[in-house]
Amino acid sequence: MDPRMVRSILKPMWHKVKMEDSKTRIALAEALEALDKQIPKKPNRFFNGIESLKICGCGGDAYGYPSVFNYCPYCGQAIDWE
């Protein structure tokens, strides 16, 4: 199942869980965070004066990421290179 579809199912459940049921709420929050990392995001771009670099939004290493990485090696975010 597509991570976006799973997220659209779980997000409303997170809002409906009562605050007293904190274990379920925490589990849903962690599941949503993990799903967000599976949805590819475009890398940030910046120019360091010599070359244009692409880096993950987590602020990982300033060296940037070659397009051979499908996921950020620092935070695990899926990267959309297109």
N, C-alpha and C. Protein backbone atom coordinates (compact mmCIF):
# COMPACT_ATOMS: atom_id res chain seq x y z
N MET A 1 0.85 -1.18 0.00
CA MET A 1 0.00 0.00 0.00
C MET A 1 0.90 1.24 0.00
N ASP A 2 0.50 2.24 -0.72
CA ASP A 2 1.25 3.49 -0.84
C ASP A 2 1.32 4.20 0.52
N PRO A 3 2.51 4.71 0.93
CA PRO A 3 2.64 5.40 2.21
C PRO A 3 1.68 6.59 2.36
N ARG A 4 1.39 7.27 1.26
CA ARG A 4 0.46 8.42 1.34
C ARG A 4 -0.95 7.95 1.72
N MET A 5 -1.34 6.80 1.18
CA MET A 5 -2.67 6.26 1.49
C MET A 5 -2.74 5.81 2.95
N VAL A 6 -1.70 5.13 3.41
CA VAL A 6 -1.66 4.69 4.81
C VAL A 6 -1.71 5.90 5.73
N ARG A 7 -0.96 6.95 5.37
CA ARG A 7 -0.95 8.17 6.19
C ARG A 7 -2.34 8.79 6.26
N SER A 8 -3.04 8.80 5.13
CA SER A 8 -4.38 9.40 5.11
C SER A 8 -5.37 8.60 5.97
N ILE A 9 -5.08 7.32 6.18
CA ILE A 9 -5.93 6.50 7.05
C ILE A 9 -5.57 6.71 8.52
N LEU A 10 -4.27 6.77 8.82
CA LEU A 10 -3.83 6.88 10.21
C LEU A 10 -4.00 8.28 10.81
N LYS A 11 -3.83 9.31 10.01
CA LYS A 11 -3.89 10.69 10.54
C LYS A 11 -5.21 10.99 11.24
N PRO A 12 -6.37 10.67 10.66
CA PRO A 12 -7.63 10.91 11.37
C PRO A 12 -7.74 10.09 12.66
N MET A 13 -7.16 8.89 12.65
CA MET A 13 -7.19 8.06 13.86
C MET A 13 -6.41 8.74 14.98
N TRP A 14 -5.28 9.37 14.64
CA TRP A 14 -4.46 10.05 15.65
C TRP A 14 -5.27 11.16 16.31
N HIS A 15 -6.08 11.88 15.53
CA HIS A 15 -6.88 12.97 16.08
C HIS A 15 -8.02 12.45 16.97
N LYS A 16 -8.50 11.24 16.70
CA LYS A 16 -9.62 10.68 17.46
C LYS A 16 -9.20 10.01 18.76
N VAL A 17 -7.95 9.60 18.86
CA VAL A 17 -7.49 8.91 20.07
C VAL A 17 -7.49 9.90 21.23
N LYS A 18 -8.08 9.49 22.33
CA LYS A 18 -8.15 10.37 23.50
C LYS A 18 -6.77 10.55 24.12
N MET A 19 -6.56 11.69 24.72
CA MET A 19 -5.28 11.99 25.34
C MET A 19 -4.93 10.98 26.43
N GLU A 20 -5.95 10.38 27.08
CA GLU A 20 -5.69 9.42 28.15
C GLU A 20 -5.01 8.16 27.61
N ASP A 21 -5.24 7.84 26.35
CA ASP A 21 -4.65 6.65 25.74
C ASP A 21 -3.33 7.05 25.09
N SER A 22 -2.38 7.47 25.94
CA SER A 22 -1.15 8.05 25.42
C SER A 22 -0.27 7.03 24.68
N LYS A 23 -0.29 5.76 25.07
CA LYS A 23 0.54 4.78 24.39
C LYS A 23 0.10 4.62 22.93
N THR A 24 -1.21 4.57 22.70
CA THR A 24 -1.71 4.45 21.33
C THR A 24 -1.41 5.71 20.55
N ARG A 25 -1.56 6.86 21.19
CA ARG A 25 -1.30 8.14 20.53
C ARG A 25 0.18 8.26 20.14
N ILE A 26 1.06 7.83 21.04
CA ILE A 26 2.50 7.87 20.76
C ILE A 26 2.84 6.91 19.63
N ALA A 27 2.26 5.71 19.65
CA ALA A 27 2.51 4.72 18.60
C ALA A 27 2.06 5.25 17.24
N LEU A 28 0.89 5.88 17.20
CA LEU A 28 0.39 6.44 15.94
C LEU A 28 1.29 7.59 15.47
N ALA A 29 1.75 8.42 16.40
CA ALA A 29 2.63 9.53 16.03
C ALA A 29 3.93 9.00 15.43
N GLU A 30 4.49 7.95 16.02
CA GLU A 30 5.73 7.38 15.50
C GLU A 30 5.51 6.72 14.14
N ALA A 31 4.36 6.07 13.98
CA ALA A 31 4.04 5.46 12.69
C ALA A 31 3.89 6.53 11.61
N LEU A 32 3.25 7.64 11.94
CA LEU A 32 3.09 8.73 10.98
C LEU A 32 4.44 9.35 10.62
N GLU A 33 5.32 9.48 11.59
CA GLU A 33 6.65 10.02 11.33
C GLU A 33 7.44 9.09 10.40
N ALA A 34 7.35 7.79 10.65
CA ALA A 34 8.04 6.81 9.79
C ALA A 34 7.47 6.83 8.37
N LEU A 35 6.16 6.97 8.26
CA LEU A 35 5.53 7.04 6.94
C LEU A 35 5.97 8.29 6.20
N ASP A 36 6.07 9.41 6.91
CA ASP A 36 6.51 10.66 6.27
C ASP A 36 7.90 10.50 5.66
N LYS A 37 8.77 9.73 6.30
CA LYS A 37 10.11 9.52 5.77
C LYS A 37 10.11 8.66 4.52
N GLN A 38 9.07 7.85 4.33
CA GLN A 38 8.98 7.00 3.14
C GLN A 38 8.44 7.75 1.93
N ILE A 39 7.82 8.89 2.15
CA ILE A 39 7.29 9.71 1.04
C ILE A 39 8.44 10.58 0.54
N PRO A 40 8.91 10.36 -0.71
CA PRO A 40 10.07 11.10 -1.22
C PRO A 40 9.85 12.62 -1.23
N LYS A 41 10.88 13.35 -0.79
CA LYS A 41 10.86 14.81 -0.79
C LYS A 41 12.05 15.30 -1.60
N LYS A 42 11.86 16.44 -2.24
CA LYS A 42 12.93 17.04 -3.03
C LYS A 42 14.04 17.53 -2.09
N PRO A 43 15.30 17.37 -2.49
CA PRO A 43 16.40 17.89 -1.67
C PRO A 43 16.48 19.41 -1.78
N ASN A 44 17.03 20.03 -0.75
CA ASN A 44 17.29 21.47 -0.79
C ASN A 44 18.52 21.70 -1.66
N ARG A 45 18.56 22.84 -2.32
CA ARG A 45 19.70 23.17 -3.16
C ARG A 45 20.35 24.45 -2.65
N PHE A 46 21.66 24.47 -2.70
CA PHE A 46 22.37 25.70 -2.40
C PHE A 46 23.68 25.72 -3.17
N PHE A 47 24.20 26.91 -3.34
CA PHE A 47 25.44 27.10 -4.09
C PHE A 47 26.53 27.48 -3.11
N ASN A 48 27.60 26.72 -3.08
CA ASN A 48 28.68 26.98 -2.12
C ASN A 48 29.78 27.87 -2.69
N GLY A 49 29.54 28.45 -3.84
CA GLY A 49 30.53 29.31 -4.48
C GLY A 49 31.29 28.59 -5.58
N ILE A 50 31.28 27.26 -5.56
CA ILE A 50 31.97 26.48 -6.57
C ILE A 50 30.99 25.62 -7.35
N GLU A 51 30.09 24.98 -6.62
CA GLU A 51 29.14 24.08 -7.28
C GLU A 51 27.79 24.14 -6.58
N SER A 52 26.78 23.69 -7.29
CA SER A 52 25.43 23.61 -6.73
C SER A 52 25.29 22.26 -6.03
N LEU A 53 24.92 22.27 -4.77
CA LEU A 53 24.79 21.05 -3.99
C LEU A 53 23.35 20.77 -3.66
N LYS A 54 23.03 19.52 -3.44
CA LYS A 54 21.70 19.11 -3.01
C LYS A 54 21.85 18.41 -1.67
N ILE A 55 21.12 18.89 -0.68
CA ILE A 55 21.18 18.25 0.63
C ILE A 55 19.77 18.02 1.16
N CYS A 56 19.65 17.07 2.05
CA CYS A 56 18.36 16.76 2.67
C CYS A 56 17.95 17.91 3.59
N GLY A 57 16.67 18.04 3.80
CA GLY A 57 16.14 19.07 4.68
C GLY A 57 16.52 18.90 6.14
N CYS A 58 17.06 17.73 6.52
CA CYS A 58 17.44 17.50 7.91
C CYS A 58 18.68 18.31 8.28
N GLY A 59 19.36 18.86 7.26
CA GLY A 59 20.56 19.64 7.53
C GLY A 59 21.78 18.75 7.70
N GLY A 60 21.73 17.57 7.12
CA GLY A 60 22.85 16.63 7.19
C GLY A 60 24.13 17.26 6.70
N ASP A 61 25.04 16.49 6.28
CA ASP A 61 26.35 16.93 5.86
C ASP A 61 26.27 17.96 4.73
N ALA A 62 27.06 18.98 4.82
CA ALA A 62 27.06 20.05 3.82
C ALA A 62 27.67 19.62 2.50
N TYR A 63 28.21 18.42 2.40
CA TYR A 63 28.77 17.96 1.14
C TYR A 63 27.69 17.67 0.11
N GLY A 64 26.48 17.50 0.55
CA GLY A 64 25.40 17.21 -0.38
C GLY A 64 25.27 15.72 -0.63
N TYR A 65 24.36 15.37 -1.49
CA TYR A 65 24.07 13.97 -1.76
C TYR A 65 24.13 13.70 -3.25
N PRO A 66 24.97 12.78 -3.66
CA PRO A 66 24.89 12.38 -5.07
C PRO A 66 23.59 11.64 -5.32
N SER A 67 23.15 11.66 -6.55
CA SER A 67 21.85 11.08 -6.86
C SER A 67 21.81 9.55 -6.74
N VAL A 68 22.89 8.93 -6.31
CA VAL A 68 22.87 7.48 -6.12
C VAL A 68 22.14 7.10 -4.83
N PHE A 69 21.99 8.03 -3.91
CA PHE A 69 21.26 7.77 -2.66
C PHE A 69 19.76 7.88 -2.91
N ASN A 70 19.01 6.90 -2.50
CA ASN A 70 17.55 6.99 -2.54
C ASN A 70 17.00 7.52 -1.23
N TYR A 71 17.81 7.40 -0.17
CA TYR A 71 17.43 7.84 1.17
C TYR A 71 18.58 8.64 1.77
N CYS A 72 18.26 9.61 2.59
CA CYS A 72 19.28 10.38 3.30
C CYS A 72 20.00 9.45 4.27
N PRO A 73 21.34 9.41 4.23
CA PRO A 73 22.06 8.53 5.15
C PRO A 73 22.03 9.02 6.60
N TYR A 74 21.57 10.25 6.82
CA TYR A 74 21.54 10.80 8.17
C TYR A 74 20.20 10.61 8.87
N CYS A 75 19.10 10.87 8.14
CA CYS A 75 17.78 10.80 8.80
C CYS A 75 16.88 9.73 8.21
N GLY A 76 17.22 9.17 7.05
CA GLY A 76 16.41 8.13 6.44
C GLY A 76 15.29 8.62 5.54
N GLN A 77 15.21 9.92 5.31
CA GLN A 77 14.17 10.49 4.45
C GLN A 77 14.36 10.03 3.01
N ALA A 78 13.30 9.55 2.37
CA ALA A 78 13.36 9.20 0.96
C ALA A 78 13.54 10.49 0.16
N ILE A 79 14.41 10.43 -0.85
CA ILE A 79 14.75 11.64 -1.63
C ILE A 79 14.22 11.49 -3.06
N ASP A 80 13.55 12.53 -3.53
CA ASP A 80 13.02 12.58 -4.89
C ASP A 80 13.99 13.41 -5.72
N TRP A 81 14.77 12.77 -6.59
CA TRP A 81 15.80 13.46 -7.36
C TRP A 81 15.26 14.09 -8.64
N GLU A 82 14.03 13.83 -9.02
CA GLU A 82 13.52 14.36 -10.28
C GLU A 82 12.98 15.76 -10.17
